[in-house]
Amino acid sequence: MQKLLLHPVYFGPVSQFAALANAEEIVFENEDNYQKQTYRNRMYIYGANGKLLLNIPIKHTGNKSGHQKYKDIKIENDFPWQKQHWKSIETVYRTSPFFEFYEDDFYPLYHQKFKFLMDFNYHSLELALECMQTEINFKKTTEYLKEPKEILDGRFLAEAKNKKSQTMETYPQVFQEKFGFLNDLSIVDLIFNEGPNALNYLQRQKISFP
């Protein structure tokens, strides 16, 4: 795969990391307006009752137009969201094959404050890559690319709703016996269940682009 344009998101879905793992070069969109109902501030994991949403609360400005740059979006830290997210992750994945292996890497991310959502998301990206023992060379846009030229547009992979469905190869999941395989969850689900094999798994996946 060639040069790829992506949004930095909160422990993005497996499909986004599959696209990332198979690209030659990554460019992250840093200059777009914030959009709701995307993986920018949410991720889905496999809970005891099925698909579980973890949502990062954000500060809303009084801007009547509703437009705000993604890079300017601040996290609402008056709400103990990090504590809740970490507790959920710990509870859900405690019995997964690799939780203990990565627990000490994940813990600090949920126990230090971040002012801006984008900063937190870049940290989550770096952590996921570190766990998979891989590095990527990436750049950040300096202007909004409305119609990207000579680059594959993978920004749609950040959409949590109305996203083109990507069918991922199955892998063992903690609660699979209860609800079957849940497709395209957050990358953390793959990391805790597949461990060092996660990168090989991602490189085998084929992503459909619109």
N, C-alpha and C. Protein backbone atom coordinates (compact mmCIF):
# COMPACT_ATOMS: atom_id res chain seq x y z
N MET A 1 0.85 -1.20 0.00
CA MET A 1 0.00 0.00 0.00
C MET A 1 0.88 1.24 0.00
N GLN A 2 0.39 2.27 -0.57
CA GLN A 2 1.15 3.51 -0.74
C GLN A 2 1.07 4.42 0.49
N LYS A 3 1.18 5.70 0.24
CA LYS A 3 1.06 6.74 1.25
C LYS A 3 -0.41 6.78 1.72
N LEU A 4 -0.62 6.89 3.02
CA LEU A 4 -1.96 6.78 3.58
C LEU A 4 -2.26 7.93 4.53
N LEU A 5 -3.46 8.51 4.39
CA LEU A 5 -3.91 9.62 5.24
C LEU A 5 -4.91 9.08 6.27
N LEU A 6 -4.62 9.33 7.56
CA LEU A 6 -5.47 8.83 8.64
C LEU A 6 -5.73 9.93 9.67
N HIS A 7 -6.78 9.73 10.49
CA HIS A 7 -7.01 10.58 11.65
C HIS A 7 -6.35 9.94 12.87
N PRO A 8 -5.71 10.73 13.74
CA PRO A 8 -5.26 10.17 15.03
C PRO A 8 -6.50 9.95 15.91
N VAL A 9 -6.68 8.73 16.41
CA VAL A 9 -7.89 8.41 17.17
C VAL A 9 -7.51 7.71 18.49
N TYR A 10 -8.54 7.43 19.29
CA TYR A 10 -8.36 6.82 20.61
C TYR A 10 -8.26 5.30 20.45
N PHE A 11 -7.04 4.76 20.54
CA PHE A 11 -6.83 3.33 20.33
C PHE A 11 -7.76 2.83 19.21
N GLY A 12 -7.46 3.28 18.01
CA GLY A 12 -8.34 3.05 16.87
C GLY A 12 -8.74 1.60 16.65
N PRO A 13 -9.73 1.39 15.78
CA PRO A 13 -10.20 0.03 15.50
C PRO A 13 -9.14 -0.79 14.79
N VAL A 14 -9.29 -2.08 14.84
CA VAL A 14 -8.33 -3.00 14.21
C VAL A 14 -8.17 -2.66 12.72
N SER A 15 -9.27 -2.27 12.06
CA SER A 15 -9.21 -1.97 10.62
C SER A 15 -8.26 -0.80 10.33
N GLN A 16 -8.26 0.22 11.18
CA GLN A 16 -7.36 1.35 10.95
C GLN A 16 -5.90 0.92 11.13
N PHE A 17 -5.65 0.10 12.14
CA PHE A 17 -4.28 -0.36 12.35
C PHE A 17 -3.84 -1.33 11.26
N ALA A 18 -4.79 -2.07 10.67
CA ALA A 18 -4.45 -2.95 9.56
C ALA A 18 -4.02 -2.11 8.35
N ALA A 19 -4.75 -1.04 8.09
CA ALA A 19 -4.39 -0.14 7.00
C ALA A 19 -3.02 0.48 7.26
N LEU A 20 -2.81 0.91 8.50
CA LEU A 20 -1.55 1.53 8.91
C LEU A 20 -0.38 0.55 8.75
N ALA A 21 -0.59 -0.70 9.17
CA ALA A 21 0.48 -1.70 9.15
C ALA A 21 0.90 -2.08 7.73
N ASN A 22 0.01 -1.82 6.76
CA ASN A 22 0.31 -2.20 5.38
C ASN A 22 0.65 -1.01 4.48
N ALA A 23 0.76 0.17 5.08
CA ALA A 23 1.10 1.37 4.29
C ALA A 23 2.60 1.61 4.29
N GLU A 24 3.08 2.24 3.24
CA GLU A 24 4.50 2.56 3.14
C GLU A 24 4.83 3.83 3.94
N GLU A 25 3.88 4.75 3.95
CA GLU A 25 4.08 6.02 4.65
C GLU A 25 2.75 6.51 5.20
N ILE A 26 2.77 7.07 6.40
CA ILE A 26 1.55 7.54 7.05
C ILE A 26 1.58 9.06 7.20
N VAL A 27 0.45 9.67 6.89
CA VAL A 27 0.26 11.10 7.16
C VAL A 27 -1.00 11.23 8.02
N PHE A 28 -0.89 11.94 9.14
CA PHE A 28 -2.05 12.14 10.01
C PHE A 28 -2.66 13.52 9.76
N GLU A 29 -3.98 13.52 9.66
CA GLU A 29 -4.73 14.76 9.46
C GLU A 29 -4.78 15.53 10.77
N ASN A 30 -4.11 16.68 10.82
CA ASN A 30 -4.04 17.47 12.04
C ASN A 30 -4.83 18.77 11.96
N GLU A 31 -5.39 19.06 10.79
CA GLU A 31 -5.97 20.39 10.58
C GLU A 31 -7.47 20.38 10.31
N ASP A 32 -8.13 19.27 10.57
CA ASP A 32 -9.57 19.18 10.29
C ASP A 32 -10.38 19.71 11.47
N ASN A 33 -11.69 19.90 11.24
CA ASN A 33 -12.61 20.24 12.31
C ASN A 33 -13.00 18.97 13.06
N TYR A 34 -13.28 19.14 14.34
CA TYR A 34 -13.70 18.01 15.17
C TYR A 34 -15.07 17.52 14.72
N GLN A 35 -15.24 16.21 14.72
CA GLN A 35 -16.54 15.62 14.40
C GLN A 35 -16.95 14.67 15.52
N LYS A 36 -18.25 14.69 15.84
CA LYS A 36 -18.76 13.80 16.88
C LYS A 36 -18.96 12.40 16.33
N GLN A 37 -19.19 11.47 17.24
CA GLN A 37 -19.48 10.07 16.90
C GLN A 37 -18.41 9.45 16.00
N THR A 38 -17.16 9.71 16.37
CA THR A 38 -16.03 9.09 15.67
C THR A 38 -15.10 8.47 16.71
N TYR A 39 -14.12 7.74 16.23
CA TYR A 39 -13.15 7.12 17.13
C TYR A 39 -12.15 8.12 17.68
N ARG A 40 -12.36 9.40 17.40
CA ARG A 40 -11.48 10.42 17.99
C ARG A 40 -11.59 10.38 19.51
N ASN A 41 -12.79 10.17 20.02
CA ASN A 41 -12.93 10.16 21.49
C ASN A 41 -13.70 8.94 22.00
N ARG A 42 -13.71 7.88 21.22
CA ARG A 42 -14.38 6.66 21.70
C ARG A 42 -13.69 5.42 21.15
N MET A 43 -13.83 4.35 21.90
CA MET A 43 -13.39 3.04 21.40
C MET A 43 -14.33 1.98 21.94
N TYR A 44 -14.33 0.84 21.27
CA TYR A 44 -15.18 -0.27 21.69
C TYR A 44 -14.30 -1.46 22.07
N ILE A 45 -14.61 -2.04 23.23
CA ILE A 45 -13.91 -3.23 23.68
C ILE A 45 -14.95 -4.34 23.90
N TYR A 46 -14.49 -5.56 24.22
CA TYR A 46 -15.38 -6.70 24.40
C TYR A 46 -15.66 -6.85 25.89
N GLY A 47 -16.84 -6.40 26.32
CA GLY A 47 -17.21 -6.49 27.72
C GLY A 47 -17.94 -7.78 28.04
N ALA A 48 -18.23 -7.99 29.32
CA ALA A 48 -18.91 -9.21 29.76
C ALA A 48 -20.32 -9.31 29.19
N ASN A 49 -20.89 -8.17 28.77
CA ASN A 49 -22.23 -8.17 28.18
C ASN A 49 -22.20 -7.84 26.70
N GLY A 50 -21.04 -7.99 26.08
CA GLY A 50 -20.92 -7.71 24.65
C GLY A 50 -20.10 -6.45 24.39
N LYS A 51 -20.42 -5.78 23.30
CA LYS A 51 -19.66 -4.61 22.88
C LYS A 51 -19.81 -3.48 23.90
N LEU A 52 -18.68 -2.95 24.37
CA LEU A 52 -18.70 -1.91 25.41
C LEU A 52 -18.03 -0.64 24.91
N LEU A 53 -18.75 0.46 25.03
CA LEU A 53 -18.25 1.77 24.58
C LEU A 53 -17.50 2.47 25.71
N LEU A 54 -16.29 2.96 25.40
CA LEU A 54 -15.54 3.83 26.31
C LEU A 54 -15.41 5.17 25.62
N ASN A 55 -15.93 6.20 26.26
CA ASN A 55 -16.02 7.52 25.64
C ASN A 55 -15.25 8.56 26.45
N ILE A 56 -14.41 9.35 25.79
CA ILE A 56 -13.66 10.42 26.47
C ILE A 56 -14.52 11.69 26.44
N PRO A 57 -14.87 12.26 27.60
CA PRO A 57 -15.68 13.48 27.61
C PRO A 57 -14.84 14.69 27.16
N ILE A 58 -15.44 15.56 26.38
CA ILE A 58 -14.70 16.74 25.91
C ILE A 58 -15.40 18.02 26.36
N LYS A 59 -14.61 19.09 26.44
CA LYS A 59 -15.16 20.40 26.81
C LYS A 59 -15.84 21.01 25.59
N HIS A 60 -17.05 21.50 25.79
CA HIS A 60 -17.76 22.15 24.69
C HIS A 60 -17.63 23.65 24.81
N THR A 61 -17.31 24.29 23.70
CA THR A 61 -17.18 25.75 23.72
C THR A 61 -18.53 26.37 23.41
N GLY A 62 -18.63 27.65 23.60
CA GLY A 62 -19.87 28.35 23.29
C GLY A 62 -19.95 28.77 21.83
N ASN A 63 -19.09 28.22 21.01
CA ASN A 63 -19.02 28.56 19.59
C ASN A 63 -20.32 28.18 18.89
N LYS A 64 -21.09 29.17 18.42
CA LYS A 64 -22.40 28.90 17.82
C LYS A 64 -22.31 28.13 16.52
N SER A 65 -21.23 28.31 15.79
CA SER A 65 -21.09 27.60 14.51
C SER A 65 -20.90 26.11 14.74
N GLY A 66 -20.45 25.76 15.93
CA GLY A 66 -20.22 24.34 16.23
C GLY A 66 -18.91 23.83 15.68
N HIS A 67 -18.21 24.67 14.91
CA HIS A 67 -16.94 24.23 14.31
C HIS A 67 -15.79 24.52 15.26
N GLN A 68 -15.00 23.52 15.48
CA GLN A 68 -13.80 23.68 16.31
C GLN A 68 -12.73 22.75 15.77
N LYS A 69 -11.53 23.26 15.70
CA LYS A 69 -10.43 22.42 15.21
C LYS A 69 -10.23 21.24 16.15
N TYR A 70 -10.01 20.09 15.56
CA TYR A 70 -9.76 18.88 16.35
C TYR A 70 -8.58 19.10 17.30
N LYS A 71 -7.51 19.74 16.81
CA LYS A 71 -6.32 19.92 17.64
C LYS A 71 -6.56 20.87 18.82
N ASP A 72 -7.68 21.62 18.79
CA ASP A 72 -8.01 22.54 19.88
C ASP A 72 -8.97 21.93 20.91
N ILE A 73 -9.45 20.73 20.65
CA ILE A 73 -10.43 20.10 21.54
C ILE A 73 -9.77 19.70 22.86
N LYS A 74 -10.36 20.18 23.96
CA LYS A 74 -9.84 19.88 25.29
C LYS A 74 -10.66 18.78 25.95
N ILE A 75 -9.98 17.98 26.76
CA ILE A 75 -10.63 16.89 27.49
C ILE A 75 -11.29 17.46 28.75
N GLU A 76 -12.48 16.95 29.08
CA GLU A 76 -13.18 17.35 30.31
C GLU A 76 -12.66 16.48 31.45
N ASN A 77 -11.64 16.98 32.14
CA ASN A 77 -10.99 16.18 33.18
C ASN A 77 -11.64 16.30 34.56
N ASP A 78 -12.74 17.08 34.65
CA ASP A 78 -13.46 17.13 35.91
C ASP A 78 -14.22 15.82 36.14
N PHE A 79 -14.38 15.07 35.07
CA PHE A 79 -15.07 13.78 35.12
C PHE A 79 -13.99 12.69 35.19
N PRO A 80 -14.12 11.71 36.09
CA PRO A 80 -13.05 10.71 36.27
C PRO A 80 -13.03 9.63 35.18
N TRP A 81 -12.99 10.07 33.93
CA TRP A 81 -13.10 9.12 32.81
C TRP A 81 -11.90 8.16 32.74
N GLN A 82 -10.69 8.66 33.06
CA GLN A 82 -9.52 7.78 32.97
C GLN A 82 -9.61 6.62 33.96
N LYS A 83 -10.06 6.95 35.15
CA LYS A 83 -10.23 5.92 36.18
C LYS A 83 -11.25 4.88 35.72
N GLN A 84 -12.34 5.36 35.13
CA GLN A 84 -13.39 4.45 34.68
C GLN A 84 -12.92 3.59 33.50
N HIS A 85 -12.22 4.21 32.55
CA HIS A 85 -11.75 3.47 31.39
C HIS A 85 -10.74 2.40 31.81
N TRP A 86 -9.84 2.78 32.70
CA TRP A 86 -8.82 1.82 33.13
C TRP A 86 -9.47 0.66 33.89
N LYS A 87 -10.44 0.97 34.73
CA LYS A 87 -11.14 -0.08 35.48
C LYS A 87 -11.84 -1.04 34.52
N SER A 88 -12.46 -0.48 33.48
CA SER A 88 -13.15 -1.32 32.49
C SER A 88 -12.16 -2.22 31.75
N ILE A 89 -11.06 -1.63 31.31
CA ILE A 89 -10.04 -2.40 30.58
C ILE A 89 -9.48 -3.51 31.46
N GLU A 90 -9.18 -3.15 32.70
CA GLU A 90 -8.62 -4.11 33.66
C GLU A 90 -9.61 -5.26 33.92
N THR A 91 -10.85 -4.91 34.14
CA THR A 91 -11.88 -5.91 34.43
C THR A 91 -12.11 -6.85 33.26
N VAL A 92 -12.21 -6.27 32.08
CA VAL A 92 -12.51 -7.04 30.87
C VAL A 92 -11.35 -7.95 30.46
N TYR A 93 -10.13 -7.41 30.50
CA TYR A 93 -9.00 -8.14 29.92
C TYR A 93 -8.08 -8.84 30.93
N ARG A 94 -8.47 -8.80 32.19
CA ARG A 94 -7.62 -9.41 33.22
C ARG A 94 -7.30 -10.88 32.90
N THR A 95 -8.27 -11.59 32.31
CA THR A 95 -8.07 -13.01 32.02
C THR A 95 -7.56 -13.26 30.59
N SER A 96 -7.30 -12.20 29.85
CA SER A 96 -6.78 -12.38 28.48
C SER A 96 -5.33 -12.85 28.54
N PRO A 97 -4.84 -13.52 27.49
CA PRO A 97 -3.49 -14.11 27.55
C PRO A 97 -2.36 -13.12 27.80
N PHE A 98 -2.53 -11.86 27.37
CA PHE A 98 -1.37 -10.95 27.43
C PHE A 98 -1.59 -9.69 28.28
N PHE A 99 -2.68 -9.66 29.07
CA PHE A 99 -2.94 -8.45 29.86
C PHE A 99 -1.79 -8.17 30.83
N GLU A 100 -1.35 -9.18 31.56
CA GLU A 100 -0.28 -8.97 32.55
C GLU A 100 1.02 -8.54 31.88
N PHE A 101 1.20 -8.99 30.65
CA PHE A 101 2.42 -8.66 29.90
C PHE A 101 2.48 -7.16 29.57
N TYR A 102 1.30 -6.57 29.29
CA TYR A 102 1.26 -5.15 28.87
C TYR A 102 0.71 -4.19 29.92
N GLU A 103 0.23 -4.72 31.01
CA GLU A 103 -0.44 -3.90 32.04
C GLU A 103 0.39 -2.69 32.47
N ASP A 104 1.67 -2.91 32.72
CA ASP A 104 2.53 -1.82 33.20
C ASP A 104 2.79 -0.76 32.14
N ASP A 105 2.60 -1.12 30.87
CA ASP A 105 2.74 -0.14 29.78
C ASP A 105 1.51 0.74 29.69
N PHE A 106 0.33 0.14 29.91
CA PHE A 106 -0.93 0.87 29.77
C PHE A 106 -1.24 1.74 30.98
N TYR A 107 -0.85 1.28 32.16
CA TYR A 107 -1.21 1.96 33.41
C TYR A 107 -0.89 3.46 33.40
N PRO A 108 0.32 3.89 33.02
CA PRO A 108 0.65 5.33 33.09
C PRO A 108 -0.25 6.21 32.21
N LEU A 109 -0.69 5.68 31.07
CA LEU A 109 -1.53 6.47 30.17
C LEU A 109 -2.82 6.90 30.85
N TYR A 110 -3.32 6.08 31.74
CA TYR A 110 -4.59 6.36 32.43
C TYR A 110 -4.39 6.99 33.80
N HIS A 111 -3.16 7.36 34.10
CA HIS A 111 -2.89 7.96 35.41
C HIS A 111 -2.07 9.24 35.30
N GLN A 112 -2.11 9.87 34.12
CA GLN A 112 -1.55 11.21 33.98
C GLN A 112 -2.56 12.04 33.20
N LYS A 113 -2.62 13.31 33.52
CA LYS A 113 -3.62 14.18 32.90
C LYS A 113 -3.15 14.69 31.53
N PHE A 114 -4.08 14.76 30.62
CA PHE A 114 -3.84 15.34 29.30
C PHE A 114 -4.84 16.46 29.08
N LYS A 115 -4.37 17.57 28.57
CA LYS A 115 -5.25 18.71 28.33
C LYS A 115 -6.01 18.58 27.01
N PHE A 116 -5.28 18.17 25.97
CA PHE A 116 -5.88 18.10 24.63
C PHE A 116 -6.11 16.66 24.19
N LEU A 117 -7.26 16.43 23.57
CA LEU A 117 -7.63 15.11 23.09
C LEU A 117 -6.62 14.56 22.09
N MET A 118 -6.17 15.41 21.17
CA MET A 118 -5.24 14.93 20.14
C MET A 118 -3.92 14.45 20.75
N ASP A 119 -3.44 15.13 21.77
CA ASP A 119 -2.21 14.71 22.44
C ASP A 119 -2.37 13.32 23.05
N PHE A 120 -3.51 13.13 23.72
CA PHE A 120 -3.78 11.82 24.33
C PHE A 120 -3.83 10.74 23.25
N ASN A 121 -4.46 11.06 22.12
CA ASN A 121 -4.60 10.06 21.06
C ASN A 121 -3.25 9.69 20.44
N TYR A 122 -2.36 10.67 20.29
CA TYR A 122 -1.03 10.35 19.78
C TYR A 122 -0.27 9.46 20.77
N HIS A 123 -0.48 9.69 22.06
CA HIS A 123 0.15 8.83 23.07
C HIS A 123 -0.41 7.41 22.99
N SER A 124 -1.72 7.29 22.77
CA SER A 124 -2.31 5.96 22.66
C SER A 124 -1.78 5.23 21.42
N LEU A 125 -1.60 5.97 20.33
CA LEU A 125 -1.03 5.40 19.11
C LEU A 125 0.38 4.86 19.36
N GLU A 126 1.21 5.70 20.00
CA GLU A 126 2.59 5.31 20.27
C GLU A 126 2.66 4.08 21.19
N LEU A 127 1.74 4.03 22.14
CA LEU A 127 1.70 2.89 23.06
C LEU A 127 1.33 1.61 22.32
N ALA A 128 0.32 1.69 21.45
CA ALA A 128 -0.10 0.51 20.69
C ALA A 128 1.04 0.00 19.80
N LEU A 129 1.73 0.93 19.15
CA LEU A 129 2.85 0.54 18.28
C LEU A 129 3.99 -0.08 19.09
N GLU A 130 4.23 0.50 20.26
CA GLU A 130 5.28 -0.01 21.14
C GLU A 130 4.96 -1.44 21.58
N CYS A 131 3.70 -1.68 21.93
CA CYS A 131 3.29 -3.03 22.36
C CYS A 131 3.48 -4.04 21.24
N MET A 132 3.28 -3.58 20.00
CA MET A 132 3.43 -4.48 18.85
C MET A 132 4.87 -4.49 18.33
N GLN A 133 5.74 -3.79 19.05
CA GLN A 133 7.17 -3.74 18.72
C GLN A 133 7.41 -3.33 17.26
N THR A 134 6.72 -2.26 16.90
CA THR A 134 6.91 -1.73 15.55
C THR A 134 6.99 -0.22 15.59
N GLU A 135 7.64 0.35 14.61
CA GLU A 135 7.72 1.81 14.49
C GLU A 135 7.21 2.20 13.12
N ILE A 136 6.62 3.38 13.03
CA ILE A 136 6.20 3.88 11.72
C ILE A 136 6.76 5.29 11.55
N ASN A 137 7.05 5.62 10.32
CA ASN A 137 7.41 7.00 10.02
C ASN A 137 6.13 7.72 9.63
N PHE A 138 5.81 8.75 10.37
CA PHE A 138 4.59 9.47 10.00
C PHE A 138 4.82 10.97 10.00
N LYS A 139 4.02 11.65 9.20
CA LYS A 139 4.03 13.10 9.13
C LYS A 139 2.66 13.60 9.55
N LYS A 140 2.57 14.90 9.81
CA LYS A 140 1.29 15.52 10.15
C LYS A 140 0.99 16.61 9.12
N THR A 141 -0.27 16.72 8.75
CA THR A 141 -0.64 17.74 7.77
C THR A 141 -0.45 19.14 8.35
N THR A 142 -0.19 20.09 7.50
CA THR A 142 -0.08 21.49 7.92
C THR A 142 -1.24 22.32 7.39
N GLU A 143 -2.08 21.69 6.57
CA GLU A 143 -3.32 22.32 6.11
C GLU A 143 -4.33 21.21 5.87
N TYR A 144 -5.62 21.57 5.90
CA TYR A 144 -6.66 20.56 5.73
C TYR A 144 -6.69 20.07 4.29
N LEU A 145 -6.64 18.76 4.11
CA LEU A 145 -6.66 18.18 2.78
C LEU A 145 -8.09 17.75 2.43
N LYS A 146 -8.82 18.64 1.76
CA LYS A 146 -10.22 18.34 1.42
C LYS A 146 -10.29 17.21 0.40
N GLU A 147 -9.51 17.32 -0.64
CA GLU A 147 -9.45 16.27 -1.66
C GLU A 147 -7.98 15.87 -1.87
N PRO A 148 -7.51 14.93 -1.08
CA PRO A 148 -6.09 14.56 -1.12
C PRO A 148 -5.65 14.07 -2.50
N LYS A 149 -4.48 14.49 -2.90
CA LYS A 149 -3.90 14.05 -4.17
C LYS A 149 -2.69 13.15 -3.88
N GLU A 150 -2.57 12.09 -4.66
CA GLU A 150 -1.42 11.18 -4.57
C GLU A 150 -1.25 10.60 -3.16
N ILE A 151 -2.38 10.40 -2.49
CA ILE A 151 -2.36 9.77 -1.16
C ILE A 151 -3.69 9.06 -0.98
N LEU A 152 -3.66 7.88 -0.41
CA LEU A 152 -4.87 7.11 -0.16
C LEU A 152 -5.59 7.69 1.05
N ASP A 153 -6.86 8.00 0.91
CA ASP A 153 -7.62 8.64 1.99
C ASP A 153 -8.27 7.58 2.88
N GLY A 154 -7.67 7.38 4.06
CA GLY A 154 -8.20 6.40 5.00
C GLY A 154 -8.92 7.06 6.17
N ARG A 155 -9.28 8.33 6.01
CA ARG A 155 -9.90 9.06 7.12
C ARG A 155 -11.27 8.48 7.50
N PHE A 156 -11.91 7.80 6.56
CA PHE A 156 -13.22 7.20 6.85
C PHE A 156 -13.12 6.12 7.93
N LEU A 157 -11.92 5.58 8.14
CA LEU A 157 -11.73 4.54 9.15
C LEU A 157 -11.91 5.06 10.57
N ALA A 158 -11.97 6.39 10.73
CA ALA A 158 -12.20 6.99 12.06
C ALA A 158 -13.68 7.14 12.38
N GLU A 159 -14.54 6.84 11.42
CA GLU A 159 -15.99 7.00 11.63
C GLU A 159 -16.53 5.82 12.42
N ALA A 160 -17.19 6.12 13.53
CA ALA A 160 -17.77 5.06 14.35
C ALA A 160 -19.16 4.68 13.84
N LYS A 161 -19.82 5.62 13.20
CA LYS A 161 -21.16 5.37 12.64
C LYS A 161 -21.08 5.48 11.12
N ASN A 162 -21.90 4.71 10.45
CA ASN A 162 -22.00 4.74 8.98
C ASN A 162 -20.68 4.44 8.27
N LYS A 163 -19.81 3.73 8.97
CA LYS A 163 -18.53 3.39 8.35
C LYS A 163 -18.69 2.16 7.47
N LYS A 164 -18.00 2.15 6.36
CA LYS A 164 -17.99 0.96 5.51
C LYS A 164 -17.46 -0.20 6.36
N SER A 165 -18.24 -1.26 6.47
CA SER A 165 -17.86 -2.37 7.34
C SER A 165 -16.64 -3.11 6.79
N GLN A 166 -15.69 -3.36 7.67
CA GLN A 166 -14.48 -4.11 7.30
C GLN A 166 -14.53 -5.46 8.02
N THR A 167 -14.42 -6.52 7.27
CA THR A 167 -14.47 -7.85 7.88
C THR A 167 -13.06 -8.31 8.22
N MET A 168 -12.82 -8.46 9.51
CA MET A 168 -11.52 -8.87 10.00
C MET A 168 -11.49 -10.38 10.25
N GLU A 169 -10.33 -10.96 10.04
CA GLU A 169 -10.12 -12.39 10.35
C GLU A 169 -10.36 -12.60 11.84
N THR A 170 -10.99 -13.71 12.20
CA THR A 170 -11.28 -13.96 13.61
C THR A 170 -10.00 -14.29 14.39
N TYR A 171 -10.03 -13.99 15.67
CA TYR A 171 -8.96 -14.36 16.60
C TYR A 171 -9.63 -14.63 17.94
N PRO A 172 -9.01 -15.35 18.86
CA PRO A 172 -9.66 -15.66 20.14
C PRO A 172 -9.93 -14.39 20.96
N GLN A 173 -11.13 -14.28 21.52
CA GLN A 173 -11.50 -13.15 22.37
C GLN A 173 -12.00 -13.67 23.72
N VAL A 174 -11.88 -12.87 24.75
CA VAL A 174 -12.17 -13.31 26.12
C VAL A 174 -13.58 -13.88 26.28
N PHE A 175 -14.59 -13.17 25.78
CA PHE A 175 -15.97 -13.60 25.99
C PHE A 175 -16.60 -14.22 24.74
N GLN A 176 -15.76 -14.77 23.89
CA GLN A 176 -16.22 -15.30 22.62
C GLN A 176 -17.28 -16.40 22.77
N GLU A 177 -17.16 -17.20 23.82
CA GLU A 177 -18.12 -18.29 24.02
C GLU A 177 -19.52 -17.76 24.30
N LYS A 178 -19.61 -16.53 24.82
CA LYS A 178 -20.92 -15.95 25.15
C LYS A 178 -21.57 -15.28 23.94
N PHE A 179 -20.79 -14.51 23.20
CA PHE A 179 -21.38 -13.69 22.14
C PHE A 179 -20.76 -13.89 20.76
N GLY A 180 -19.84 -14.84 20.64
CA GLY A 180 -19.17 -15.05 19.36
C GLY A 180 -18.10 -13.99 19.11
N PHE A 181 -17.54 -14.01 17.94
CA PHE A 181 -16.48 -13.06 17.58
C PHE A 181 -17.07 -11.68 17.30
N LEU A 182 -16.54 -10.66 17.97
CA LEU A 182 -16.96 -9.27 17.70
C LEU A 182 -15.92 -8.64 16.78
N ASN A 183 -16.38 -8.22 15.62
CA ASN A 183 -15.51 -7.74 14.56
C ASN A 183 -15.06 -6.29 14.76
N ASP A 184 -13.80 -6.02 14.44
CA ASP A 184 -13.27 -4.66 14.34
C ASP A 184 -13.43 -3.83 15.61
N LEU A 185 -13.06 -4.41 16.73
CA LEU A 185 -13.04 -3.66 17.99
C LEU A 185 -11.77 -2.82 18.05
N SER A 186 -11.53 -2.18 19.19
CA SER A 186 -10.32 -1.38 19.38
C SER A 186 -9.08 -2.28 19.29
N ILE A 187 -7.99 -1.67 18.88
CA ILE A 187 -6.70 -2.38 18.79
C ILE A 187 -6.30 -3.00 20.13
N VAL A 188 -6.78 -2.44 21.25
CA VAL A 188 -6.40 -3.01 22.56
C VAL A 188 -6.91 -4.44 22.69
N ASP A 189 -8.07 -4.73 22.07
CA ASP A 189 -8.62 -6.08 22.13
C ASP A 189 -7.67 -7.07 21.45
N LEU A 190 -7.15 -6.67 20.31
CA LEU A 190 -6.21 -7.52 19.57
C LEU A 190 -4.90 -7.67 20.35
N ILE A 191 -4.40 -6.58 20.91
CA ILE A 191 -3.12 -6.62 21.64
C ILE A 191 -3.19 -7.54 22.86
N PHE A 192 -4.26 -7.41 23.65
CA PHE A 192 -4.36 -8.22 24.87
C PHE A 192 -4.64 -9.70 24.56
N ASN A 193 -5.26 -9.97 23.42
CA ASN A 193 -5.57 -11.35 23.07
C ASN A 193 -4.50 -12.04 22.23
N GLU A 194 -3.81 -11.26 21.40
CA GLU A 194 -2.83 -11.86 20.48
C GLU A 194 -1.38 -11.54 20.81
N GLY A 195 -1.17 -10.51 21.62
CA GLY A 195 0.19 -10.19 22.04
C GLY A 195 1.15 -9.97 20.89
N PRO A 196 2.32 -10.58 20.92
CA PRO A 196 3.34 -10.36 19.89
C PRO A 196 2.89 -10.74 18.47
N ASN A 197 1.82 -11.52 18.37
CA ASN A 197 1.32 -11.93 17.06
C ASN A 197 0.43 -10.86 16.41
N ALA A 198 0.11 -9.79 17.15
CA ALA A 198 -0.83 -8.77 16.66
C ALA A 198 -0.39 -8.15 15.34
N LEU A 199 0.89 -7.83 15.23
CA LEU A 199 1.37 -7.18 14.01
C LEU A 199 1.25 -8.11 12.80
N ASN A 200 1.62 -9.38 12.97
CA ASN A 200 1.47 -10.34 11.87
C ASN A 200 0.02 -10.44 11.43
N TYR A 201 -0.86 -10.46 12.42
CA TYR A 201 -2.30 -10.50 12.13
C TYR A 201 -2.71 -9.30 11.28
N LEU A 202 -2.31 -8.10 11.69
CA LEU A 202 -2.69 -6.88 10.98
C LEU A 202 -2.18 -6.88 9.54
N GLN A 203 -0.97 -7.37 9.35
CA GLN A 203 -0.37 -7.37 8.02
C GLN A 203 -1.07 -8.34 7.06
N ARG A 204 -1.84 -9.28 7.61
CA ARG A 204 -2.59 -10.23 6.77
C ARG A 204 -3.95 -9.69 6.33
N GLN A 205 -4.42 -8.62 6.97
CA GLN A 205 -5.77 -8.12 6.70
C GLN A 205 -5.81 -7.27 5.43
N LYS A 206 -6.95 -7.34 4.75
CA LYS A 206 -7.18 -6.53 3.55
C LYS A 206 -8.28 -5.51 3.85
N ILE A 207 -7.99 -4.25 3.62
CA ILE A 207 -8.94 -3.17 3.90
C ILE A 207 -9.57 -2.69 2.59
N SER A 208 -10.90 -2.53 2.61
CA SER A 208 -11.62 -2.02 1.44
C SER A 208 -11.75 -0.51 1.54
N PHE A 209 -11.32 0.20 0.50
CA PHE A 209 -11.43 1.64 0.45
C PHE A 209 -12.59 2.05 -0.46
N PRO A 210 -13.31 3.12 -0.11
CA PRO A 210 -14.44 3.56 -0.93
C PRO A 210 -14.00 3.93 -2.35
